[in-house]
């Protein structure tokens, strides 16, 4: 494919965060399509992306397994987005929603995660303050990631397996952060088919 290298990394592309008016619209968001490239070694399809920074609502949960922690964190984010803030504003969703996980040396995930919800563009300059003190508004710089996509209802073990495969495929061709990576989802829980999940390994700045 033109523009791809022998290892299947395409030139960095900008990830567009898509705003959605309500949860009813989540099954069919208009998401810019991506061209996935199969690397010469292994069976993992992946691409390099430049992800936009900005202001994010974050929730961190510790001392709980990732799946349990996510079930605790996500309702807090949804309430904030739905109007549980100082302005009482329903802001609409952006997808994907990502959460950082923190692998141990053996690849197992630590009992810790951090959800990152990008504030919709309309509210980037002056985000409503969360009513829940556990939600923080943070600035995050743009990042470059190596992303791989998979389907189904993803659990922590699925994300960890995909991350291991992607890291193996990138070995010798790219350097990524090893202390954390991002897991992402694009779909609401009630969508049974055609689900989209991704793992993002963050490209090292060195």
C-alpha atoms as a PDB file:
ATOM      1  CA  UNK A   1       0.000   0.000   0.000  1.00  0.00           C
ATOM      2  CA  UNK A   2       1.393   3.441  -0.873  1.00  0.00           C
ATOM      3  CA  UNK A   3       2.853   5.287   2.092  1.00  0.00           C
ATOM      4  CA  UNK A   4       3.279   2.202   4.257  1.00  0.00           C
ATOM      5  CA  UNK A   5       6.538   0.762   5.450  1.00  0.00           C
ATOM      6  CA  UNK A   6       7.574  -2.863   5.461  1.00  0.00           C
ATOM      7  CA  UNK A   7       6.435  -3.060   9.067  1.00  0.00           C
ATOM      8  CA  UNK A   8       2.956  -1.760   8.300  1.00  0.00           C
ATOM      9  CA  UNK A   9       3.132   1.605  10.038  1.00  0.00           C
ATOM     10  CA  UNK A  10       1.311   4.270   8.064  1.00  0.00           C
ATOM     11  CA  UNK A  11       2.085   7.991   8.452  1.00  0.00           C
ATOM     12  CA  UNK A  12       0.583   9.518  11.571  1.00  0.00           C
ATOM     13  CA  UNK A  13      -3.059  10.483  11.153  1.00  0.00           C
ATOM     14  CA  UNK A  14      -5.129  12.784  13.318  1.00  0.00           C
ATOM     15  CA  UNK A  15      -7.798  11.131  15.458  1.00  0.00           C
ATOM     16  CA  UNK A  16     -11.011  13.143  15.322  1.00  0.00           C
ATOM     17  CA  UNK A  17     -13.047  13.115  18.521  1.00  0.00           C
ATOM     18  CA  UNK A  18     -16.670  12.840  17.430  1.00  0.00           C
ATOM     19  CA  UNK A  19     -19.354  14.679  19.387  1.00  0.00           C
ATOM     20  CA  UNK A  20     -22.666  12.875  19.890  1.00  0.00           C
ATOM     21  CA  UNK A  21     -25.775  14.600  21.203  1.00  0.00           C
ATOM     22  CA  UNK A  22     -27.090  11.808  23.421  1.00  0.00           C
ATOM     23  CA  UNK A  23     -26.661   8.155  24.304  1.00  0.00           C
ATOM     24  CA  UNK A  24     -29.395   7.291  21.783  1.00  0.00           C
ATOM     25  CA  UNK A  25     -27.007   8.308  19.010  1.00  0.00           C
ATOM     26  CA  UNK A  26     -24.108   6.182  20.195  1.00  0.00           C
ATOM     27  CA  UNK A  27     -24.739   3.083  18.013  1.00  0.00           C
ATOM     28  CA  UNK A  28     -24.066   4.994  14.788  1.00  0.00           C
ATOM     29  CA  UNK A  29     -21.583   7.816  15.414  1.00  0.00           C
ATOM     30  CA  UNK A  30     -19.972   9.379  12.380  1.00  0.00           C
ATOM     31  CA  UNK A  31     -16.371   8.340  12.858  1.00  0.00           C
ATOM     32  CA  UNK A  32     -13.676   9.059  10.342  1.00  0.00           C
ATOM     33  CA  UNK A  33     -12.613   5.707   8.810  1.00  0.00           C
ATOM     34  CA  UNK A  34      -9.059   4.511   9.147  1.00  0.00           C
ATOM     35  CA  UNK A  35      -6.898   2.470   6.794  1.00  0.00           C
ATOM     36  CA  UNK A  36      -5.453  -0.405   8.777  1.00  0.00           C
ATOM     37  CA  UNK A  37      -2.225  -1.933   7.494  1.00  0.00           C
ATOM     38  CA  UNK A  38      -1.114  -5.506   8.166  1.00  0.00           C
ATOM     39  CA  UNK A  39       2.539  -5.598   9.191  1.00  0.00           C
ATOM     40  CA  UNK A  40       4.922  -7.977   7.484  1.00  0.00           C
ATOM     41  CA  UNK A  41       5.544  -9.895  10.721  1.00  0.00           C
ATOM     42  CA  UNK A  42       2.713 -11.427  12.739  1.00  0.00           C
ATOM     43  CA  UNK A  43      -1.043 -11.300  12.367  1.00  0.00           C
ATOM     44  CA  UNK A  44      -1.767  -7.962  14.059  1.00  0.00           C
ATOM     45  CA  UNK A  45      -3.163  -5.092  11.994  1.00  0.00           C
ATOM     46  CA  UNK A  46      -2.255  -1.712  13.413  1.00  0.00           C
ATOM     47  CA  UNK A  47      -1.746   1.912  12.528  1.00  0.00           C
ATOM     48  CA  UNK A  48       0.000   4.983  13.849  1.00  0.00           C
ATOM     49  CA  UNK A  49      -2.219   7.893  14.862  1.00  0.00           C
ATOM     50  CA  UNK A  50      -1.752  11.444  16.064  1.00  0.00           C
ATOM     51  CA  UNK A  51      -4.388  12.032  18.757  1.00  0.00           C
ATOM     52  CA  UNK A  52      -5.510  15.534  19.579  1.00  0.00           C
ATOM     53  CA  UNK A  53      -5.022  16.865  23.086  1.00  0.00           C
ATOM     54  CA  UNK A  54      -7.310  19.143  25.051  1.00  0.00           C
ATOM     55  CA  UNK A  55      -9.278  19.214  28.283  1.00  0.00           C
ATOM     56  CA  UNK A  56     -10.475  15.895  29.666  1.00  0.00           C
ATOM     57  CA  UNK A  57     -12.719  14.834  32.516  1.00  0.00           C
ATOM     58  CA  UNK A  58     -10.860  12.106  34.386  1.00  0.00           C
ATOM     59  CA  UNK A  59     -11.778   9.579  37.046  1.00  0.00           C
ATOM     60  CA  UNK A  60      -9.162   7.425  38.751  1.00  0.00           C
ATOM     61  CA  UNK A  61      -9.996   4.233  40.646  1.00  0.00           C
ATOM     62  CA  UNK A  62      -7.454   2.179  42.585  1.00  0.00           C
ATOM     63  CA  UNK A  63      -7.384  -1.036  44.622  1.00  0.00           C
ATOM     64  CA  UNK A  64      -9.943  -2.743  42.377  1.00  0.00           C
ATOM     65  CA  UNK A  65      -9.562  -5.064  39.371  1.00  0.00           C
ATOM     66  CA  UNK A  66      -9.837  -3.190  36.080  1.00  0.00           C
ATOM     67  CA  UNK A  67     -13.270  -4.480  35.095  1.00  0.00           C
ATOM     68  CA  UNK A  68     -14.717  -3.624  38.499  1.00  0.00           C
ATOM     69  CA  UNK A  69     -12.985  -0.237  38.550  1.00  0.00           C
ATOM     70  CA  UNK A  70     -14.394   0.613  35.130  1.00  0.00           C
ATOM     71  CA  UNK A  71     -17.923  -0.209  36.285  1.00  0.00           C
ATOM     72  CA  UNK A  72     -17.411   2.270  39.121  1.00  0.00           C
ATOM     73  CA  UNK A  73     -15.821   5.035  37.045  1.00  0.00           C
ATOM     74  CA  UNK A  74     -17.998   5.109  33.937  1.00  0.00           C
ATOM     75  CA  UNK A  75     -21.323   6.019  35.628  1.00  0.00           C
ATOM     76  CA  UNK A  76     -19.577   9.000  37.200  1.00  0.00           C
ATOM     77  CA  UNK A  77     -18.448  10.214  33.800  1.00  0.00           C
ATOM     78  CA  UNK A  78     -21.906   9.665  32.315  1.00  0.00           C
ATOM     79  CA  UNK A  79     -23.544  11.667  35.124  1.00  0.00           C
ATOM     80  CA  UNK A  80     -21.088  14.523  34.600  1.00  0.00           C
ATOM     81  CA  UNK A  81     -21.734  14.549  30.858  1.00  0.00           C
ATOM     82  CA  UNK A  82     -25.487  14.316  31.447  1.00  0.00           C
ATOM     83  CA  UNK A  83     -25.667  17.436  33.613  1.00  0.00           C
ATOM     84  CA  UNK A  84     -24.223  16.644  37.029  1.00  0.00           C
ATOM     85  CA  UNK A  85     -22.067  19.781  36.957  1.00  0.00           C
ATOM     86  CA  UNK A  86     -22.166  23.360  38.207  1.00  0.00           C
ATOM     87  CA  UNK A  87     -23.981  24.578  35.090  1.00  0.00           C
ATOM     88  CA  UNK A  88     -26.470  21.732  34.865  1.00  0.00           C
ATOM     89  CA  UNK A  89     -25.453  21.224  31.249  1.00  0.00           C
ATOM     90  CA  UNK A  90     -25.870  18.060  29.226  1.00  0.00           C
ATOM     91  CA  UNK A  91     -22.811  18.220  27.008  1.00  0.00           C
ATOM     92  CA  UNK A  92     -23.251  15.204  24.749  1.00  0.00           C
ATOM     93  CA  UNK A  93     -20.708  12.456  24.246  1.00  0.00           C
ATOM     94  CA  UNK A  94     -17.429  12.225  22.430  1.00  0.00           C
ATOM     95  CA  UNK A  95     -16.040   8.932  21.216  1.00  0.00           C
ATOM     96  CA  UNK A  96     -13.914   7.073  21.760  1.00  0.00           C
ATOM     97  CA  UNK A  97     -13.831   7.025  25.538  1.00  0.00           C
ATOM     98  CA  UNK A  98     -10.426   5.866  26.688  1.00  0.00           C
ATOM     99  CA  UNK A  99      -9.037   4.597  29.953  1.00  0.00           C
ATOM    100  CA  UNK A 100      -5.435   4.116  30.956  1.00  0.00           C
ATOM    101  CA  UNK A 101      -4.361   0.809  32.469  1.00  0.00           C
ATOM    102  CA  UNK A 102      -1.082   0.010  34.172  1.00  0.00           C
ATOM    103  CA  UNK A 103       0.612  -3.329  33.459  1.00  0.00           C
ATOM    104  CA  UNK A 104       2.886  -5.129  35.886  1.00  0.00           C
ATOM    105  CA  UNK A 105       6.206  -6.556  34.740  1.00  0.00           C
ATOM    106  CA  UNK A 106       4.513  -9.850  33.907  1.00  0.00           C
ATOM    107  CA  UNK A 107       1.884  -8.125  31.761  1.00  0.00           C
ATOM    108  CA  UNK A 108      -0.981  -8.541  34.229  1.00  0.00           C
ATOM    109  CA  UNK A 109      -2.894  -5.354  34.920  1.00  0.00           C
ATOM    110  CA  UNK A 110      -2.531  -3.584  38.235  1.00  0.00           C
ATOM    111  CA  UNK A 111      -5.597  -2.715  40.296  1.00  0.00           C
ATOM    112  CA  UNK A 112      -5.775   0.793  38.934  1.00  0.00           C
ATOM    113  CA  UNK A 113      -7.283   2.653  35.998  1.00  0.00           C
ATOM    114  CA  UNK A 114      -7.931   6.195  34.864  1.00  0.00           C
ATOM    115  CA  UNK A 115     -10.812   7.101  32.558  1.00  0.00           C
ATOM    116  CA  UNK A 116     -10.219   9.979  30.128  1.00  0.00           C
ATOM    117  CA  UNK A 117     -13.301  11.636  28.575  1.00  0.00           C
ATOM    118  CA  UNK A 118     -12.519  14.440  26.156  1.00  0.00           C
ATOM    119  CA  UNK A 119     -14.717  17.469  26.763  1.00  0.00           C
ATOM    120  CA  UNK A 120     -16.716  18.262  23.588  1.00  0.00           C
ATOM    121  CA  UNK A 121     -15.216  21.100  21.526  1.00  0.00           C
ATOM    122  CA  UNK A 122     -18.082  23.458  22.386  1.00  0.00           C
ATOM    123  CA  UNK A 123     -17.053  23.359  26.073  1.00  0.00           C
ATOM    124  CA  UNK A 124     -13.262  23.054  25.735  1.00  0.00           C
ATOM    125  CA  UNK A 125     -12.565  26.678  26.641  1.00  0.00           C
ATOM    126  CA  UNK A 126     -14.740  26.660  29.778  1.00  0.00           C
ATOM    127  CA  UNK A 127     -15.744  23.150  30.899  1.00  0.00           C
ATOM    128  CA  UNK A 128     -18.482  22.877  33.541  1.00  0.00           C
ATOM    129  CA  UNK A 129     -17.124  22.008  36.969  1.00  0.00           C
ATOM    130  CA  UNK A 130     -18.059  18.474  38.065  1.00  0.00           C
ATOM    131  CA  UNK A 131     -20.429  18.083  41.007  1.00  0.00           C
ATOM    132  CA  UNK A 132     -18.565  14.902  41.971  1.00  0.00           C
ATOM    133  CA  UNK A 133     -15.214  15.689  43.596  1.00  0.00           C
ATOM    134  CA  UNK A 134     -13.724  12.454  42.247  1.00  0.00           C
ATOM    135  CA  UNK A 135     -13.924  13.853  38.700  1.00  0.00           C
ATOM    136  CA  UNK A 136     -11.049  16.099  37.713  1.00  0.00           C
ATOM    137  CA  UNK A 137     -10.638  18.366  34.684  1.00  0.00           C
ATOM    138  CA  UNK A 138      -7.159  17.903  33.233  1.00  0.00           C
ATOM    139  CA  UNK A 139      -5.237  19.138  30.220  1.00  0.00           C
ATOM    140  CA  UNK A 140      -3.583  16.448  28.115  1.00  0.00           C
ATOM    141  CA  UNK A 141      -1.149  17.127  25.318  1.00  0.00           C
ATOM    142  CA  UNK A 142      -1.531  15.441  21.974  1.00  0.00           C
ATOM    143  CA  UNK A 143      -0.084  11.947  21.773  1.00  0.00           C
ATOM    144  CA  UNK A 144       0.976   9.582  19.028  1.00  0.00           C
ATOM    145  CA  UNK A 145      -0.215   6.012  19.432  1.00  0.00           C
ATOM    146  CA  UNK A 146      -0.029   2.648  17.751  1.00  0.00           C
ATOM    147  CA  UNK A 147      -3.580   1.326  17.621  1.00  0.00           C
ATOM    148  CA  UNK A 148      -5.104  -2.088  17.011  1.00  0.00           C
ATOM    149  CA  UNK A 149      -8.825  -2.814  16.784  1.00  0.00           C
ATOM    150  CA  UNK A 150     -10.966  -5.765  17.860  1.00  0.00           C
ATOM    151  CA  UNK A 151     -14.644  -6.545  18.455  1.00  0.00           C
ATOM    152  CA  UNK A 152     -16.925  -8.033  21.075  1.00  0.00           C
ATOM    153  CA  UNK A 153     -17.644  -7.092  24.673  1.00  0.00           C
ATOM    154  CA  UNK A 154     -14.093  -6.384  25.819  1.00  0.00           C
ATOM    155  CA  UNK A 155     -12.848  -7.301  29.280  1.00  0.00           C
ATOM    156  CA  UNK A 156      -9.530  -6.509  30.907  1.00  0.00           C
ATOM    157  CA  UNK A 157      -8.066  -9.837  29.796  1.00  0.00           C
ATOM    158  CA  UNK A 158      -8.994  -9.078  26.175  1.00  0.00           C
ATOM    159  CA  UNK A 159      -7.303  -5.690  26.269  1.00  0.00           C
ATOM    160  CA  UNK A 160      -4.197  -7.186  27.882  1.00  0.00           C
ATOM    161  CA  UNK A 161      -3.982  -9.922  25.243  1.00  0.00           C
ATOM    162  CA  UNK A 162      -4.365  -7.410  22.407  1.00  0.00           C
ATOM    163  CA  UNK A 163      -1.732  -5.143  23.964  1.00  0.00           C
ATOM    164  CA  UNK A 164       0.729  -8.037  24.214  1.00  0.00           C
ATOM    165  CA  UNK A 165       0.173  -8.958  20.570  1.00  0.00           C
ATOM    166  CA  UNK A 166       0.592  -5.367  19.431  1.00  0.00           C
ATOM    167  CA  UNK A 167       3.748  -4.879  21.481  1.00  0.00           C
ATOM    168  CA  UNK A 168       5.176  -8.056  19.962  1.00  0.00           C
ATOM    169  CA  UNK A 169       4.331  -6.866  16.439  1.00  0.00           C
ATOM    170  CA  UNK A 170       6.075  -3.527  17.098  1.00  0.00           C
ATOM    171  CA  UNK A 171       9.199  -5.066  18.600  1.00  0.00           C
ATOM    172  CA  UNK A 172      12.289  -3.758  16.854  1.00  0.00           C
ATOM    173  CA  UNK A 173      10.361  -1.175  14.836  1.00  0.00           C
ATOM    174  CA  UNK A 174       8.923   1.258  17.406  1.00  0.00           C
ATOM    175  CA  UNK A 175       9.425   2.325  21.010  1.00  0.00           C
ATOM    176  CA  UNK A 176       6.357   2.672  23.250  1.00  0.00           C
ATOM    177  CA  UNK A 177       5.602   3.583  26.847  1.00  0.00           C
ATOM    178  CA  UNK A 178       5.740   0.470  29.015  1.00  0.00           C
ATOM    179  CA  UNK A 179       4.200   1.732  32.263  1.00  0.00           C
ATOM    180  CA  UNK A 180       0.700   2.331  30.851  1.00  0.00           C
ATOM    181  CA  UNK A 181      -1.432   2.099  27.726  1.00  0.00           C
ATOM    182  CA  UNK A 182      -4.921   3.132  26.689  1.00  0.00           C
ATOM    183  CA  UNK A 183      -7.980   0.971  26.125  1.00  0.00           C
ATOM    184  CA  UNK A 184     -10.840   2.511  24.172  1.00  0.00           C
ATOM    185  CA  UNK A 185     -14.477   1.841  23.402  1.00  0.00           C
ATOM    186  CA  UNK A 186     -16.850   3.341  20.868  1.00  0.00           C
ATOM    187  CA  UNK A 187     -20.163   1.681  21.688  1.00  0.00           C
ATOM    188  CA  UNK A 188     -22.840   1.713  24.425  1.00  0.00           C
ATOM    189  CA  UNK A 189     -23.472  -1.447  26.445  1.00  0.00           C
ATOM    190  CA  UNK A 190     -26.779  -2.116  24.659  1.00  0.00           C
ATOM    191  CA  UNK A 191     -25.126  -2.547  21.244  1.00  0.00           C
ATOM    192  CA  UNK A 192     -24.679  -6.337  20.831  1.00  0.00           C
ATOM    193  CA  UNK A 193     -23.041  -6.536  17.400  1.00  0.00           C
ATOM    194  CA  UNK A 194     -20.340  -4.734  15.462  1.00  0.00           C
ATOM    195  CA  UNK A 195     -18.645  -3.448  18.579  1.00  0.00           C
ATOM    196  CA  UNK A 196     -15.375  -1.556  18.254  1.00  0.00           C
ATOM    197  CA  UNK A 197     -12.616  -1.647  20.851  1.00  0.00           C
ATOM    198  CA  UNK A 198      -9.007  -0.560  20.520  1.00  0.00           C
ATOM    199  CA  UNK A 199      -5.698  -0.720  22.360  1.00  0.00           C
ATOM    200  CA  UNK A 200      -3.380   2.272  22.064  1.00  0.00           C
ATOM    201  CA  UNK A 201       0.312   1.914  22.842  1.00  0.00           C
ATOM    202  CA  UNK A 202       1.731   5.392  23.313  1.00  0.00           C
ATOM    203  CA  UNK A 203       4.762   6.180  21.186  1.00  0.00           C
ATOM    204  CA  UNK A 204       7.762   7.243  23.245  1.00  0.00           C
ATOM    205  CA  UNK A 205       8.937  10.804  22.682  1.00  0.00           C
ATOM    206  CA  UNK A 206      12.597   9.825  22.589  1.00  0.00           C
END
